C-alpha atoms as a PDB file:
ATOM      1  CA  MET A   1     -25.717 -15.935   2.226  1.00  0.00           C
ATOM      2  CA  GLY A   2     -23.067 -13.205   1.716  1.00  0.00           C
ATOM      3  CA  PHE A   3     -19.493 -13.695   1.058  1.00  0.00           C
ATOM      4  CA  PHE A   4     -18.573 -13.353   4.816  1.00  0.00           C
ATOM      5  CA  ARG A   5     -20.899 -15.458   6.391  1.00  0.00           C
ATOM      6  CA  SER A   6     -20.347 -18.684   3.371  1.00  0.00           C
ATOM      7  CA  MET A   7     -16.540 -18.098   3.814  1.00  0.00           C
ATOM      8  CA  TRP A   8     -16.105 -17.899   7.680  1.00  0.00           C
ATOM      9  CA  TRP A   9     -19.315 -18.932   9.054  1.00  0.00           C
ATOM     10  CA  SER A  10     -19.893 -22.988   9.691  1.00  0.00           C
ATOM     11  CA  SER A  11     -23.386 -24.027   8.402  1.00  0.00           C
ATOM     12  CA  PRO A  12     -25.494 -24.458  10.479  1.00  0.00           C
ATOM     13  CA  PRO A  13     -23.503 -22.796  13.378  1.00  0.00           C
ATOM     14  CA  SER A  14     -21.570 -25.432  15.699  1.00  0.00           C
ATOM     15  CA  PRO A  15     -21.062 -25.445  19.364  1.00  0.00           C
ATOM     16  CA  PRO A  16     -17.905 -23.430  20.490  1.00  0.00           C
ATOM     17  CA  SER A  17     -14.887 -24.796  19.560  1.00  0.00           C
ATOM     18  CA  PRO A  18     -11.125 -24.237  20.228  1.00  0.00           C
ATOM     19  CA  PRO A  19      -9.781 -20.804  18.519  1.00  0.00           C
ATOM     20  CA  PRO A  20      -8.258 -21.637  15.764  1.00  0.00           C
ATOM     21  CA  GLN A  21      -4.556 -21.770  14.925  1.00  0.00           C
ATOM     22  CA  THR A  22      -2.729 -18.483  14.345  1.00  0.00           C
ATOM     23  CA  PRO A  23      -2.131 -17.848  10.772  1.00  0.00           C
ATOM     24  CA  SER A  24       1.255 -18.848   9.139  1.00  0.00           C
ATOM     25  CA  LEU A  25       2.983 -15.343   9.522  1.00  0.00           C
ATOM     26  CA  THR A  26       6.409 -14.561   8.308  1.00  0.00           C
ATOM     27  CA  PHE A  27       8.417 -11.493   9.406  1.00  0.00           C
ATOM     28  CA  SER A  28      11.566  -9.868   8.310  1.00  0.00           C
ATOM     29  CA  ALA A  29      13.599  -6.715   9.204  1.00  0.00           C
ATOM     30  CA  ASN A  30      14.692  -4.448   6.192  1.00  0.00           C
ATOM     31  CA  ASP A  31      18.298  -3.015   6.088  1.00  0.00           C
ATOM     32  CA  ASP A  32      16.554   0.501   7.077  1.00  0.00           C
ATOM     33  CA  GLY A  33      14.835  -1.147  10.007  1.00  0.00           C
ATOM     34  CA  THR A  34      11.171  -1.290   8.352  1.00  0.00           C
ATOM     35  CA  ASN A  35       9.173  -4.686   8.688  1.00  0.00           C
ATOM     36  CA  ILE A  36       7.765  -6.783   6.082  1.00  0.00           C
ATOM     37  CA  CYS A  37       5.212  -9.449   6.745  1.00  0.00           C
ATOM     38  CA  THR A  38       4.754 -12.381   4.653  1.00  0.00           C
ATOM     39  CA  LEU A  39       1.223 -13.908   4.590  1.00  0.00           C
ATOM     40  CA  PRO A  40      -0.029 -17.173   3.016  1.00  0.00           C
ATOM     41  CA  GLY A  41      -0.417 -16.985  -0.774  1.00  0.00           C
ATOM     42  CA  ASP A  42       3.051 -15.113  -0.769  1.00  0.00           C
ATOM     43  CA  TYR A  43       1.462 -12.017  -0.037  1.00  0.00           C
ATOM     44  CA  SER A  44       4.273  -9.713   1.342  1.00  0.00           C
ATOM     45  CA  TYR A  45       3.505  -6.278   2.788  1.00  0.00           C
ATOM     46  CA  LEU A  46       5.802  -3.519   4.194  1.00  0.00           C
ATOM     47  CA  ILE A  47       4.397  -2.324   7.567  1.00  0.00           C
ATOM     48  CA  GLY A  48       4.405   1.662   7.544  1.00  0.00           C
ATOM     49  CA  GLU A  49       4.107   4.439   9.925  1.00  0.00           C
ATOM     50  CA  PRO A  50       1.652   4.400  12.822  1.00  0.00           C
ATOM     51  CA  VAL A  51      -1.910   5.763  11.800  1.00  0.00           C
ATOM     52  CA  LEU A  52      -3.282   5.286  15.420  1.00  0.00           C
ATOM     53  CA  ALA A  53      -1.637   5.854  18.583  1.00  0.00           C
ATOM     54  CA  ALA A  54      -1.989   2.991  21.581  1.00  0.00           C
ATOM     55  CA  ALA A  55      -3.267   6.142  23.797  1.00  0.00           C
ATOM     56  CA  ARG A  56      -3.738   9.730  24.197  1.00  0.00           C
ATOM     57  CA  GLY A  57      -3.878  11.621  27.631  1.00  0.00           C
ATOM     58  CA  GLY A  58      -3.290   8.164  29.294  1.00  0.00           C
ATOM     59  CA  GLU A  59      -6.390   6.682  27.772  1.00  0.00           C
ATOM     60  CA  LYS A  60      -6.772   3.513  25.553  1.00  0.00           C
ATOM     61  CA  LEU A  61      -7.737   4.444  21.732  1.00  0.00           C
ATOM     62  CA  LEU A  62      -8.516   0.958  20.867  1.00  0.00           C
ATOM     63  CA  GLN A  63     -10.514  -1.251  23.068  1.00  0.00           C
ATOM     64  CA  SER A  64      -9.705  -4.820  23.086  1.00  0.00           C
ATOM     65  CA  TYR A  65     -12.418  -8.054  23.137  1.00  0.00           C
ATOM     66  CA  SER A  66     -12.642 -11.490  22.214  1.00  0.00           C
ATOM     67  CA  VAL A  67     -16.016 -12.736  20.224  1.00  0.00           C
ATOM     68  CA  GLY A  68     -16.768 -15.500  23.184  1.00  0.00           C
ATOM     69  CA  SER A  69     -16.664 -12.941  26.129  1.00  0.00           C
ATOM     70  CA  ALA A  70     -15.650  -8.779  26.951  1.00  0.00           C
ATOM     71  CA  CYS A  71     -12.667  -9.811  28.158  1.00  0.00           C
ATOM     72  CA  GLY A  72      -9.326  -8.815  26.252  1.00  0.00           C
ATOM     73  CA  PRO A  73      -8.267 -10.922  23.383  1.00  0.00           C
ATOM     74  CA  ALA A  74      -6.702 -13.777  25.005  1.00  0.00           C
ATOM     75  CA  GLY A  75      -4.723 -15.697  22.469  1.00  0.00           C
ATOM     76  CA  LEU A  76      -3.732 -12.455  20.392  1.00  0.00           C
ATOM     77  CA  THR A  77      -0.138 -12.313  20.416  1.00  0.00           C
ATOM     78  CA  GLU A  78       0.064  -8.290  20.534  1.00  0.00           C
ATOM     79  CA  SER A  79       3.522  -7.921  20.816  1.00  0.00           C
ATOM     80  CA  ILE A  80       3.764  -9.172  16.954  1.00  0.00           C
ATOM     81  CA  PHE A  81       2.030  -7.166  13.822  1.00  0.00           C
ATOM     82  CA  ASN A  82      -1.225  -8.706  13.272  1.00  0.00           C
ATOM     83  CA  PRO A  83      -3.246  -8.336  10.366  1.00  0.00           C
ATOM     84  CA  VAL A  84      -6.397  -6.412  11.018  1.00  0.00           C
ATOM     85  CA  THR A  85      -9.476  -4.978   9.186  1.00  0.00           C
ATOM     86  CA  VAL A  86     -10.991  -1.907  10.073  1.00  0.00           C
ATOM     87  CA  VAL A  87     -14.681  -1.383   9.309  1.00  0.00           C
ATOM     88  CA  HIS A  88     -17.096   1.784  10.208  1.00  0.00           C
ATOM     89  CA  TRP A  89     -19.652   0.156  12.432  1.00  0.00           C
ATOM     90  CA  ASN A  90     -23.098   1.250  12.826  1.00  0.00           C
ATOM     91  CA  PRO A  91     -26.344  -0.825  13.690  1.00  0.00           C
ATOM     92  CA  SER A  92     -27.280  -1.019   9.989  1.00  0.00           C
ATOM     93  CA  THR A  93     -24.014  -2.092   8.913  1.00  0.00           C
ATOM     94  CA  ASP A  94     -24.036  -4.940   6.343  1.00  0.00           C
ATOM     95  CA  LEU A  95     -20.738  -6.824   7.015  1.00  0.00           C
ATOM     96  CA  ASP A  96     -21.215  -8.980   4.231  1.00  0.00           C
ATOM     97  CA  THR A  97     -21.529  -6.334   1.632  1.00  0.00           C
ATOM     98  CA  ILE A  98     -18.529  -4.642   3.317  1.00  0.00           C
ATOM     99  CA  ILE A  99     -16.117  -7.829   3.265  1.00  0.00           C
ATOM    100  CA  ASP A 100     -17.589  -8.641  -0.575  1.00  0.00           C
ATOM    101  CA  SER A 101     -15.976  -5.385  -1.550  1.00  0.00           C
ATOM    102  CA  PHE A 102     -12.535  -5.441   0.488  1.00  0.00           C
ATOM    103  CA  THR A 103     -11.884  -8.979  -0.876  1.00  0.00           C
ATOM    104  CA  LYS A 104     -12.208  -7.371  -4.750  1.00  0.00           C
ATOM    105  CA  ASP A 105      -9.113  -5.026  -3.712  1.00  0.00           C
ATOM    106  CA  GLN A 106      -5.814  -5.995  -5.178  1.00  0.00           C
ATOM    107  CA  GLU A 107      -3.979  -5.655  -2.010  1.00  0.00           C
ATOM    108  CA  PHE A 108      -6.507  -7.334   0.155  1.00  0.00           C
ATOM    109  CA  ASN A 109      -5.554 -10.808   1.882  1.00  0.00           C
ATOM    110  CA  LYS A 110      -8.303 -13.098   3.786  1.00  0.00           C
ATOM    111  CA  GLU A 111      -5.999 -13.340   6.774  1.00  0.00           C
ATOM    112  CA  PHE A 112      -6.909  -9.535   7.441  1.00  0.00           C
ATOM    113  CA  LEU A 113     -10.098 -11.124   8.297  1.00  0.00           C
ATOM    114  CA  ARG A 114      -8.832 -12.670  11.520  1.00  0.00           C
ATOM    115  CA  VAL A 115      -9.263  -9.568  13.807  1.00  0.00           C
ATOM    116  CA  PHE A 116     -11.201  -6.692  13.166  1.00  0.00           C
ATOM    117  CA  VAL A 117     -11.013  -2.740  14.390  1.00  0.00           C
ATOM    118  CA  PHE A 118     -14.645  -1.555  14.557  1.00  0.00           C
ATOM    119  CA  LEU A 119     -14.923   2.263  14.174  1.00  0.00           C
ATOM    120  CA  ILE A 120     -17.962   3.292  16.138  1.00  0.00           C
ATOM    121  CA  ASP A 121     -19.733   6.872  16.423  1.00  0.00           C
ATOM    122  CA  ASP A 122     -20.836   6.851  20.376  1.00  0.00           C
ATOM    123  CA  GLU A 123     -18.772   4.928  22.862  1.00  0.00           C
ATOM    124  CA  GLN A 124     -21.348   5.363  25.492  1.00  0.00           C
ATOM    125  CA  SER A 125     -24.359   3.693  23.570  1.00  0.00           C
ATOM    126  CA  PHE A 126     -21.851   1.081  22.101  1.00  0.00           C
ATOM    127  CA  LYS A 127     -22.836  -2.895  23.063  1.00  0.00           C
ATOM    128  CA  PRO A 128     -19.963  -5.177  22.288  1.00  0.00           C
ATOM    129  CA  GLU A 129     -22.567  -7.972  22.687  1.00  0.00           C
ATOM    130  CA  SER A 130     -24.080  -6.923  19.317  1.00  0.00           C
ATOM    131  CA  ILE A 131     -20.469  -7.547  17.391  1.00  0.00           C
ATOM    132  CA  GLN A 132     -19.989 -10.504  19.595  1.00  0.00           C
ATOM    133  CA  LYS A 133     -23.424 -11.983  18.195  1.00  0.00           C
ATOM    134  CA  LEU A 134     -22.732 -10.854  14.911  1.00  0.00           C
ATOM    135  CA  LEU A 135     -19.262 -12.661  14.691  1.00  0.00           C
ATOM    136  CA  ALA A 136     -20.208 -16.107  16.621  1.00  0.00           C
ATOM    137  CA  GLY A 137     -18.973 -18.844  15.105  1.00  0.00           C
ATOM    138  CA  SER A 138     -16.652 -17.322  12.688  1.00  0.00           C
ATOM    139  CA  THR A 139     -12.883 -17.697  12.574  1.00  0.00           C
ATOM    140  CA  CYS A 140     -12.690 -14.288  13.804  1.00  0.00           C
ATOM    141  CA  GLN A 141     -11.866 -14.505  17.590  1.00  0.00           C
ATOM    142  CA  PHE A 142     -10.827 -11.074  18.461  1.00  0.00           C
ATOM    143  CA  PHE A 143     -11.755  -7.620  17.371  1.00  0.00           C
ATOM    144  CA  PHE A 144     -11.062  -3.981  18.918  1.00  0.00           C
ATOM    145  CA  VAL A 145     -13.231  -0.804  19.123  1.00  0.00           C
ATOM    146  CA  THR A 146     -12.528   2.887  18.524  1.00  0.00           C
ATOM    147  CA  SER A 147     -13.607   6.363  18.055  1.00  0.00           C
ATOM    148  CA  GLU A 148     -11.134   7.506  16.181  1.00  0.00           C
ATOM    149  CA  ARG A 149     -11.691   8.441  12.854  1.00  0.00           C
ATOM    150  CA  ILE A 150      -9.320   6.377  10.061  1.00  0.00           C
ATOM    151  CA  PRO A 151     -10.410   5.030   6.632  1.00  0.00           C
ATOM    152  CA  GLN A 152     -11.334   1.460   6.243  1.00  0.00           C
ATOM    153  CA  GLY A 153      -9.369  -1.264   5.052  1.00  0.00           C
ATOM    154  CA  PRO A 154      -6.108  -3.482   5.860  1.00  0.00           C
ATOM    155  CA  TYR A 155      -3.729  -2.894   8.338  1.00  0.00           C
ATOM    156  CA  PHE A 156      -1.459  -4.075  11.059  1.00  0.00           C
ATOM    157  CA  VAL A 157      -1.669  -3.788  14.844  1.00  0.00           C
ATOM    158  CA  ARG A 158       0.899  -4.378  17.453  1.00  0.00           C
ATOM    159  CA  ASP A 159       0.623  -3.657  21.371  1.00  0.00           C
ATOM    160  CA  ALA A 160      -2.660  -1.652  20.383  1.00  0.00           C
ATOM    161  CA  ILE A 161      -0.985   0.654  17.855  1.00  0.00           C
ATOM    162  CA  LEU A 162      -2.029   0.646  14.232  1.00  0.00           C
ATOM    163  CA  TYR A 163       0.121   0.553  11.425  1.00  0.00           C
ATOM    164  CA  GLN A 164      -0.088   1.456   7.465  1.00  0.00           C
ATOM    165  CA  SER A 165      -0.263  -1.638   5.327  1.00  0.00           C
ATOM    166  CA  TRP A 166       1.622  -1.576   1.916  1.00  0.00           C
ATOM    167  CA  ARG A 167       1.152  -4.606  -0.450  1.00  0.00           C
ATOM    168  CA  LEU A 168       4.840  -5.335  -1.835  1.00  0.00           C
ATOM    169  CA  PHE A 169       4.845  -5.855  -5.810  1.00  0.00           C
ATOM    170  CA  PRO A 170       7.684  -7.128  -7.771  1.00  0.00           C
ATOM    171  CA  ASP A 171       9.168  -5.022 -10.355  1.00  0.00           C
ATOM    172  CA  ILE A 172       9.730  -7.663 -12.664  1.00  0.00           C
ATOM    173  CA  TYR A 173      10.137  -5.316 -15.852  1.00  0.00           C
ATOM    174  CA  GLU A 174      12.842  -3.483 -13.778  1.00  0.00           C
ATOM    175  CA  ALA A 175      10.753  -0.062 -14.635  1.00  0.00           C
ATOM    176  CA  PHE A 176      11.669   1.565 -11.048  1.00  0.00           C
ATOM    177  CA  GLN A 177      14.542   3.519 -10.121  1.00  0.00           C
ATOM    178  CA  LEU A 178      13.326   3.747  -6.453  1.00  0.00           C
ATOM    179  CA  PRO A 179      10.032   3.164  -5.174  1.00  0.00           C
ATOM    180  CA  THR A 180       8.959   5.509  -2.781  1.00  0.00           C
ATOM    181  CA  THR A 181       6.299   5.984   0.236  1.00  0.00           C
ATOM    182  CA  HIS A 182       4.755   9.092   1.474  1.00  0.00           C
ATOM    183  CA  GLY A 183       1.943  10.362   3.834  1.00  0.00           C
ATOM    184  CA  HIS A 184      -1.384  11.312   2.244  1.00  0.00           C
ATOM    185  CA  GLY A 185      -1.111  14.909   1.225  1.00  0.00           C
ATOM    186  CA  GLN A 186       2.482  15.319   1.981  1.00  0.00           C
ATOM    187  CA  ASP A 187       5.366  15.945  -0.505  1.00  0.00           C
ATOM    188  CA  GLU A 188       8.115  14.860   1.307  1.00  0.00           C
ATOM    189  CA  PHE A 189       9.044  11.239   0.334  1.00  0.00           C
ATOM    190  CA  ARG A 190      11.204   8.137   1.643  1.00  0.00           C
ATOM    191  CA  GLY A 191      13.064   6.050  -0.761  1.00  0.00           C
ATOM    192  CA  VAL A 192      12.576   2.206   0.094  1.00  0.00           C
ATOM    193  CA  THR A 193      14.552  -0.207  -1.393  1.00  0.00           C
ATOM    194  CA  ILE A 194      13.483  -4.039  -0.651  1.00  0.00           C
ATOM    195  CA  MET A 195      14.466  -7.134  -3.021  1.00  0.00           C
ATOM    196  CA  LYS A 196      12.978 -10.321  -3.003  1.00  0.00           C
ATOM    197  CA  ASP A 197      14.700 -13.293  -4.943  1.00  0.00           C
ATOM    198  CA  GLY A 198      16.932 -10.595  -6.646  1.00  0.00           C
ATOM    199  CA  VAL A 199      14.066  -8.440  -7.650  1.00  0.00           C
ATOM    200  CA  LEU A 200      13.152  -4.903  -6.707  1.00  0.00           C
ATOM    201  CA  MET A 201       9.929  -4.786  -5.033  1.00  0.00           C
ATOM    202  CA  VAL A 202       7.450  -1.552  -5.076  1.00  0.00           C
ATOM    203  CA  PRO A 203       5.229  -0.569  -2.066  1.00  0.00           C
ATOM    204  CA  ILE A 204       1.326  -0.110  -3.093  1.00  0.00           C
ATOM    205  CA  PRO A 205      -0.868   1.216  -0.835  1.00  0.00           C
ATOM    206  CA  SER A 206      -4.710   0.044  -0.531  1.00  0.00           C
ATOM    207  CA  ARG A 207      -7.257   1.928  -2.385  1.00  0.00           C
ATOM    208  CA  LEU A 208      -9.476   0.815   0.555  1.00  0.00           C
ATOM    209  CA  HIS A 209      -7.528   3.800   2.404  1.00  0.00           C
ATOM    210  CA  PHE A 210      -8.350   6.547  -0.249  1.00  0.00           C
ATOM    211  CA  PRO A 211     -12.251   6.902  -1.334  1.00  0.00           C
ATOM    212  CA  LYS A 212     -12.384   9.530  -3.791  1.00  0.00           C
ATOM    213  CA  THR A 213     -14.180  13.317  -2.788  1.00  0.00           C
ATOM    214  CA  PRO A 214     -15.084  16.214  -4.374  1.00  0.00           C
ATOM    215  CA  ASP A 215     -12.069  17.731  -2.829  1.00  0.00           C
ATOM    216  CA  LYS A 216      -9.771  14.956  -3.815  1.00  0.00           C
ATOM    217  CA  PRO A 217     -10.902  13.496  -6.923  1.00  0.00           C
ATOM    218  CA  LEU A 218      -7.195  11.905  -7.739  1.00  0.00           C
ATOM    219  CA  ASN A 219      -7.631  10.198  -4.320  1.00  0.00           C
ATOM    220  CA  GLY A 220      -5.402   6.787  -3.838  1.00  0.00           C
ATOM    221  CA  LEU A 221      -4.346   6.887  -7.842  1.00  0.00           C
ATOM    222  CA  ARG A 222      -0.929   5.507  -7.923  1.00  0.00           C
ATOM    223  CA  VAL A 223       1.427   7.641  -9.784  1.00  0.00           C
ATOM    224  CA  THR A 224       5.309   7.400 -10.929  1.00  0.00           C
ATOM    225  CA  VAL A 225       7.526   9.938 -11.564  1.00  0.00           C
ATOM    226  CA  LYS A 226      10.441  10.238 -14.080  1.00  0.00           C
ATOM    227  CA  ASP A 227      13.887  10.078 -12.323  1.00  0.00           C
ATOM    228  CA  ILE A 228      14.273  13.541 -14.013  1.00  0.00           C
ATOM    229  CA  ILE A 229      11.520  15.210 -11.868  1.00  0.00           C
ATOM    230  CA  HIS A 230      12.568  16.254  -8.110  1.00  0.00           C
ATOM    231  CA  LEU A 231      10.946  14.551  -4.826  1.00  0.00           C
ATOM    232  CA  LYS A 232      11.530  15.893  -1.873  1.00  0.00           C
ATOM    233  CA  GLY A 233      13.987  13.631   0.380  1.00  0.00           C
ATOM    234  CA  VAL A 234      14.671  11.725  -2.601  1.00  0.00           C
ATOM    235  CA  ARG A 235      18.179  11.900  -4.954  1.00  0.00           C
ATOM    236  CA  THR A 236      17.451  12.722  -8.664  1.00  0.00           C
ATOM    237  CA  THR A 237      19.811  10.364 -10.715  1.00  0.00           C
ATOM    238  CA  GLY A 238      19.085  11.450 -14.082  1.00  0.00           C
ATOM    239  CA  GLN A 239      19.966   7.861 -14.825  1.00  0.00           C
ATOM    240  CA  SER A 240      23.706   8.989 -13.989  1.00  0.00           C
ATOM    241  CA  ARG A 241      25.662   7.358 -10.995  1.00  0.00           C
ATOM    242  CA  SER A 242      28.398  10.451 -10.744  1.00  0.00           C
ATOM    243  CA  TYR A 243      25.333  12.750 -10.513  1.00  0.00           C
ATOM    244  CA  ALA A 244      23.704  10.805  -7.891  1.00  0.00           C
ATOM    245  CA  LYS A 245      26.544  11.060  -6.257  1.00  0.00           C
ATOM    246  CA  LEU A 246      27.301  14.606  -6.360  1.00  0.00           C
ATOM    247  CA  TYR A 247      23.981  15.715  -5.432  1.00  0.00           C
ATOM    248  CA  ARG A 248      22.472  14.991  -2.105  1.00  0.00           C
ATOM    249  CA  PRO A 249      18.690  14.577  -2.048  1.00  0.00           C
ATOM    250  CA  ARG A 250      16.369  17.070  -3.091  1.00  0.00           C
ATOM    251  CA  GLU A 251      14.800  19.623  -0.522  1.00  0.00           C
ATOM    252  CA  ASN A 252      12.056  20.745  -2.526  1.00  0.00           C
ATOM    253  CA  THR A 253       9.526  18.460  -4.808  1.00  0.00           C
ATOM    254  CA  ALA A 254       8.531  19.641  -8.059  1.00  0.00           C
ATOM    255  CA  SER A 255       5.340  21.736  -8.464  1.00  0.00           C
ATOM    256  CA  ILE A 256       3.307  19.376 -10.800  1.00  0.00           C
ATOM    257  CA  VAL A 257       4.081  16.353  -8.328  1.00  0.00           C
ATOM    258  CA  THR A 258       2.751  18.633  -5.515  1.00  0.00           C
ATOM    259  CA  ARG A 259      -0.414  19.586  -7.107  1.00  0.00           C
ATOM    260  CA  LEU A 260      -0.762  15.961  -7.718  1.00  0.00           C
ATOM    261  CA  VAL A 261      -0.571  14.954  -4.301  1.00  0.00           C
ATOM    262  CA  GLU A 262      -2.764  17.971  -2.970  1.00  0.00           C
ATOM    263  CA  GLN A 263      -5.674  15.963  -5.049  1.00  0.00           C
ATOM    264  CA  GLY A 264      -4.898  12.523  -3.291  1.00  0.00           C
ATOM    265  CA  ALA A 265      -2.512  11.044  -5.533  1.00  0.00           C
ATOM    266  CA  MET A 266      -0.178   8.420  -4.396  1.00  0.00           C
ATOM    267  CA  ILE A 267       3.534   8.769  -5.613  1.00  0.00           C
ATOM    268  CA  ILE A 268       4.647   4.857  -5.917  1.00  0.00           C
ATOM    269  CA  GLY A 269       8.447   5.629  -7.199  1.00  0.00           C
ATOM    270  CA  LYS A 270      10.625   7.021  -9.392  1.00  0.00           C
ATOM    271  CA  THR A 271      11.191   5.529 -12.854  1.00  0.00           C
ATOM    272  CA  LYS A 272      14.226   4.775 -15.228  1.00  0.00           C
ATOM    273  CA  CYS A 273      14.843   7.104 -18.039  1.00  0.00           C
ATOM    274  CA  THR A 274      17.580   7.545 -20.820  1.00  0.00           C
ATOM    275  CA  GLN A 275      20.440   9.485 -19.270  1.00  0.00           C
ATOM    276  CA  PHE A 276      19.334  13.068 -18.552  1.00  0.00           C
ATOM    277  CA  ALA A 277      16.430  12.448 -21.044  1.00  0.00           C
ATOM    278  CA  SER A 278      18.617  12.151 -24.170  1.00  0.00           C
ATOM    279  CA  SER A 279      18.269   9.702 -27.267  1.00  0.00           C
ATOM    280  CA  ASP A 280      20.034   6.618 -25.731  1.00  0.00           C
ATOM    281  CA  GLN A 281      18.989   3.543 -27.690  1.00  0.00           C
ATOM    282  CA  PRO A 282      18.480   0.237 -25.917  1.00  0.00           C
ATOM    283  CA  THR A 283      20.706  -1.461 -24.819  1.00  0.00           C
ATOM    284  CA  ALA A 284      24.122  -0.214 -25.822  1.00  0.00           C
ATOM    285  CA  ASP A 285      23.944   3.296 -24.653  1.00  0.00           C
ATOM    286  CA  TRP A 286      22.442   2.297 -21.418  1.00  0.00           C
ATOM    287  CA  VAL A 287      25.573   2.319 -19.613  1.00  0.00           C
ATOM    288  CA  ASP A 288      25.043   3.374 -15.901  1.00  0.00           C
ATOM    289  CA  TYR A 289      21.761   1.410 -15.109  1.00  0.00           C
ATOM    290  CA  HIS A 290      19.991  -1.169 -17.043  1.00  0.00           C
ATOM    291  CA  CYS A 291      17.250  -0.526 -19.430  1.00  0.00           C
ATOM    292  CA  PRO A 292      13.504  -1.807 -18.505  1.00  0.00           C
ATOM    293  CA  TRP A 293      12.376  -4.842 -20.290  1.00  0.00           C
ATOM    294  CA  ASN A 294       9.334  -4.262 -22.743  1.00  0.00           C
ATOM    295  CA  PRO A 295       6.463  -6.153 -21.438  1.00  0.00           C
ATOM    296  CA  ARG A 296       4.909  -6.455 -24.738  1.00  0.00           C
ATOM    297  CA  GLY A 297       5.629  -9.112 -27.473  1.00  0.00           C
ATOM    298  CA  ASP A 298       8.147 -11.440 -26.472  1.00  0.00           C
ATOM    299  CA  GLY A 299       9.913  -9.292 -24.033  1.00  0.00           C
ATOM    300  CA  TYR A 300      12.917  -8.584 -26.451  1.00  0.00           C
ATOM    301  CA  LEU A 301      11.115  -5.387 -28.679  1.00  0.00           C
ATOM    302  CA  SER A 302      13.419  -2.384 -27.416  1.00  0.00           C
ATOM    303  CA  PRO A 303      11.363   0.208 -25.016  1.00  0.00           C
ATOM    304  CA  ARG A 304      12.047   3.364 -26.687  1.00  0.00           C
ATOM    305  CA  GLY A 305      12.213   7.187 -25.729  1.00  0.00           C
ATOM    306  CA  SER A 306      13.358   8.796 -22.542  1.00  0.00           C
ATOM    307  CA  SER A 307      10.420   8.238 -20.733  1.00  0.00           C
ATOM    308  CA  THR A 308      10.762   4.072 -21.109  1.00  0.00           C
ATOM    309  CA  GLY A 309      10.264   3.419 -17.309  1.00  0.00           C
ATOM    310  CA  THR A 310       7.026   5.008 -17.315  1.00  0.00           C
ATOM    311  CA  CYS A 311       5.638   3.510 -20.285  1.00  0.00           C
ATOM    312  CA  VAL A 312       6.793   0.108 -19.098  1.00  0.00           C
ATOM    313  CA  ALA A 313       5.179   0.545 -15.715  1.00  0.00           C
ATOM    314  CA  LEU A 314       1.877   1.432 -17.190  1.00  0.00           C
ATOM    315  CA  ALA A 315       2.038  -1.579 -20.038  1.00  0.00           C
ATOM    316  CA  GLY A 316       3.210  -4.256 -17.583  1.00  0.00           C
ATOM    317  CA  TYR A 317       1.459  -3.102 -14.067  1.00  0.00           C
ATOM    318  CA  GLU A 318      -1.922  -3.334 -13.122  1.00  0.00           C
ATOM    319  CA  TRP A 319      -1.236  -1.681 -10.171  1.00  0.00           C
ATOM    320  CA  CYS A 320       0.287   1.314 -11.580  1.00  0.00           C
ATOM    321  CA  ASP A 321      -2.694   4.262 -12.749  1.00  0.00           C
ATOM    322  CA  LEU A 322      -0.590   6.827 -13.983  1.00  0.00           C
ATOM    323  CA  GLY A 323       3.118   8.343 -14.929  1.00  0.00           C
ATOM    324  CA  ILE A 324       4.478  11.190 -15.310  1.00  0.00           C
ATOM    325  CA  GLY A 325       7.131  11.755 -18.314  1.00  0.00           C
ATOM    326  CA  THR A 326       8.718  14.310 -20.702  1.00  0.00           C
ATOM    327  CA  ASP A 327       8.626  15.243 -23.955  1.00  0.00           C
ATOM    328  CA  SER A 328      11.841  16.370 -24.773  1.00  0.00           C
ATOM    329  CA  LYS A 329      11.579  16.920 -28.552  1.00  0.00           C
ATOM    330  CA  ARG A 330       8.607  18.204 -28.964  1.00  0.00           C
ATOM    331  CA  ASP A 331       9.514  21.437 -30.428  1.00  0.00           C
ATOM    332  CA  LYS A 332      12.024  19.368 -33.045  1.00  0.00           C
ATOM    333  CA  TRP A 333       8.708  17.401 -33.679  1.00  0.00           C
ATOM    334  CA  LEU A 334       6.358  20.624 -34.476  1.00  0.00           C
ATOM    335  CA  THR A 335       8.967  21.745 -36.605  1.00  0.00           C
ATOM    336  CA  HIS A 336       9.206  18.543 -38.924  1.00  0.00           C
ATOM    337  CA  GLU A 337       5.637  18.523 -39.075  1.00  0.00           C
ATOM    338  CA  SER A 338       5.075  22.203 -39.900  1.00  0.00           C
END
């Protein structure tokens, strides 16, 4: 048996039983009005922008079903955010293999498997009985169907509207000045400040939403940006409180960042640096903001260099792929080496 069947099917199938209890979901609202959901296992998610509206031209885009019948999903509280998994569906779909690959993703939680959204190619020829039969006996009791094209993976649904999910990871080494989110392929950014137990949380998009393609070779790569490099919509602090107070959020994004975003990269935040990329030494010279912790050794080795936050994030977090830093002493080193 595949992973999906061994996890969610009784063996052998038993007679219909009462629907399982609604999973324990905890919701909270951030100061900026964004919503946060915590799933069992202490998986926290920022609920992002809608990726699929409830209707277009008066026609519902998500058709709902229960596993036991063709009626709507009785028992699913539609007025709250419910975790769902989006899957591309056709008669040859191997659901076991798909779910097995999903569960290997760091941002995925098994609670997303309680409700499905199946993307179908042809609504006219689609027969819900084929999916109801497949899911019979599983803990999944409800599913939606749509012909819209969106990436597979974990989302949230409320009132038949599908929302982006961003898993929240703690910045335990204090590498980030400001986490950010943005739309895929868009170079306008939004700063996100979410604290949990006194630790800054960083929203990370699921890799499942960004399969690599020839025209998007960097699709889904998580990239940090040193805080002397501009992002549209976000303040550049240069690690100076006075500078951050004096200048408004930037109106343009640095060209190097725009080129990465055009190739599919996701910018997950601005990382700390020495003030204006100078030669500050930790920790005495770090006055306005505290220096990041070094994830190597016993944690008390000094992280050196102006791109400190970039290096700490790459060394300390497996959910961080790339980082943009600067080399402000290159000319001096070349002169010295020559």
